[in-house]
């Protein structure tokens, strides 16, 4: 009997999560500006590649986002942890996309898949 994968893995395409922040970060063009907003509680620092999978807290792996985005990213990471535990995925890429010179990503694209199985999970978080 053929074993079926959970729906999110056999559905090819992108699941987009719109956070609806309505904010514009086009004037935040440096780490210093982002850190100042972070110090005032306007932004949170998150890891692109989750620590649960070996992601390090280094500048190349960290971005600043509104608190609502941090919450969404945490939920997606929980889903990925579950998929790993179920043996459904064994590879992950995370790619930030930017608008203009902004230091704040406008979108965070993720791709999770298993090298020996068909399908993939490709959520995308719209930041701003």
Protein backbone atom coordinates (compact mmCIF):
# COMPACT_ATOMS: atom_id res chain seq x y z
CA UNK A 1 0.00 0.00 0.00
CA UNK A 2 1.36 3.41 -0.97
CA UNK A 3 1.96 5.80 1.94
CA UNK A 4 0.65 9.32 1.30
CA UNK A 5 2.48 12.39 2.50
CA UNK A 6 0.70 15.00 4.61
CA UNK A 7 -1.11 17.57 2.45
CA UNK A 8 1.37 20.46 2.91
CA UNK A 9 4.14 18.38 1.36
CA UNK A 10 2.26 17.13 -1.66
CA UNK A 11 0.90 20.56 -2.48
CA UNK A 12 3.48 22.26 -4.65
CA UNK A 13 3.45 26.01 -4.63
CA UNK A 14 3.81 28.73 -2.07
CA UNK A 15 1.81 29.25 1.07
CA UNK A 16 1.98 32.97 1.72
CA UNK A 17 1.35 34.37 5.16
CA UNK A 18 0.34 38.03 4.98
CA UNK A 19 1.09 39.68 8.29
CA UNK A 20 -0.71 42.88 7.34
CA UNK A 21 1.75 45.13 9.12
CA UNK A 22 0.99 48.05 6.81
CA UNK A 23 4.42 49.42 7.69
CA UNK A 24 7.08 50.83 5.39
CA UNK A 25 10.71 50.19 6.27
CA UNK A 26 12.26 51.76 3.17
CA UNK A 27 14.06 54.33 5.33
CA UNK A 28 15.70 51.68 7.56
CA UNK A 29 18.85 51.28 5.46
CA UNK A 30 21.42 50.11 8.01
CA UNK A 31 21.91 47.68 10.87
CA UNK A 32 22.33 50.67 13.20
CA UNK A 33 18.87 52.03 12.30
CA UNK A 34 17.33 48.57 12.73
CA UNK A 35 19.04 48.11 16.11
CA UNK A 36 17.72 51.50 17.26
CA UNK A 37 14.15 50.40 16.41
CA UNK A 38 14.87 47.10 18.15
CA UNK A 39 15.99 48.98 21.28
CA UNK A 40 12.63 50.80 21.30
CA UNK A 41 10.63 47.58 20.90
CA UNK A 42 9.52 48.35 17.34
CA UNK A 43 11.45 45.42 15.83
CA UNK A 44 12.58 42.00 17.00
CA UNK A 45 15.67 40.11 15.89
CA UNK A 46 15.04 36.64 14.47
CA UNK A 47 17.24 33.95 12.99
CA UNK A 48 16.55 33.13 9.35
CA UNK A 49 17.81 29.55 9.63
CA UNK A 50 16.34 28.35 12.95
CA UNK A 51 18.55 27.46 15.90
CA UNK A 52 16.56 24.21 16.16
CA UNK A 53 18.37 23.15 12.97
CA UNK A 54 21.80 24.57 13.81
CA UNK A 55 21.28 28.20 12.79
CA UNK A 56 23.73 30.51 14.55
CA UNK A 57 23.07 33.96 16.01
CA UNK A 58 25.41 35.75 13.61
CA UNK A 59 24.76 38.83 11.44
CA UNK A 60 24.49 36.75 8.25
CA UNK A 61 21.66 34.69 9.77
CA UNK A 62 19.74 37.38 11.64
CA UNK A 63 17.22 39.97 10.51
CA UNK A 64 15.00 42.50 12.24
CA UNK A 65 11.23 42.27 11.78
CA UNK A 66 8.04 43.57 13.45
CA UNK A 67 6.97 41.49 16.50
CA UNK A 68 4.01 39.99 14.60
CA UNK A 69 6.42 38.50 12.05
CA UNK A 70 8.54 36.95 14.78
CA UNK A 71 5.45 35.16 16.05
CA UNK A 72 4.60 33.82 12.57
CA UNK A 73 8.19 32.66 12.00
CA UNK A 74 8.13 30.82 15.35
CA UNK A 75 4.93 28.99 14.37
CA UNK A 76 6.40 27.98 11.01
CA UNK A 77 9.56 26.75 12.74
CA UNK A 78 7.36 24.61 15.01
CA UNK A 79 5.75 23.08 11.93
CA UNK A 80 9.17 22.37 10.44
CA UNK A 81 10.34 20.72 13.67
CA UNK A 82 7.25 18.50 13.54
CA UNK A 83 7.90 17.60 9.88
CA UNK A 84 11.50 16.65 10.72
CA UNK A 85 10.28 14.51 13.60
CA UNK A 86 7.85 12.75 11.27
CA UNK A 87 10.61 12.14 8.72
CA UNK A 88 8.85 14.28 6.12
CA UNK A 89 11.70 16.77 5.49
CA UNK A 90 15.47 16.71 5.69
CA UNK A 91 16.45 19.88 3.80
CA UNK A 92 15.66 23.55 4.41
CA UNK A 93 16.52 26.85 2.78
CA UNK A 94 15.49 30.29 4.02
CA UNK A 95 15.91 33.36 1.83
CA UNK A 96 15.13 36.97 2.73
CA UNK A 97 13.96 39.33 -0.04
CA UNK A 98 14.44 43.09 0.18
CA UNK A 99 12.90 46.23 -1.30
CA UNK A 100 15.31 48.92 -2.40
CA UNK A 101 18.06 49.66 0.12
CA UNK A 102 16.03 48.61 3.17
CA UNK A 103 17.80 46.54 5.81
CA UNK A 104 14.44 45.02 6.81
CA UNK A 105 13.37 42.10 4.62
CA UNK A 106 10.09 42.59 2.77
CA UNK A 107 9.56 38.83 2.49
CA UNK A 108 11.05 35.66 3.97
CA UNK A 109 10.86 32.63 1.67
CA UNK A 110 11.33 29.12 3.04
CA UNK A 111 11.64 25.82 1.22
CA UNK A 112 11.58 22.48 3.02
CA UNK A 113 11.73 19.07 1.36
CA UNK A 114 12.98 15.53 1.71
CA UNK A 115 15.68 14.29 -0.67
CA UNK A 116 13.95 10.90 -1.02
CA UNK A 117 10.31 12.01 -1.22
CA UNK A 118 8.18 14.01 -3.61
CA UNK A 119 6.71 17.36 -2.69
CA UNK A 120 7.85 20.33 -0.69
CA UNK A 121 6.62 22.87 1.85
CA UNK A 122 7.26 26.42 0.66
CA UNK A 123 5.86 29.07 2.99
CA UNK A 124 6.53 32.73 2.37
CA UNK A 125 6.05 35.47 4.99
CA UNK A 126 5.15 38.92 3.68
CA UNK A 127 6.83 41.30 6.14
CA UNK A 128 5.97 44.68 4.58
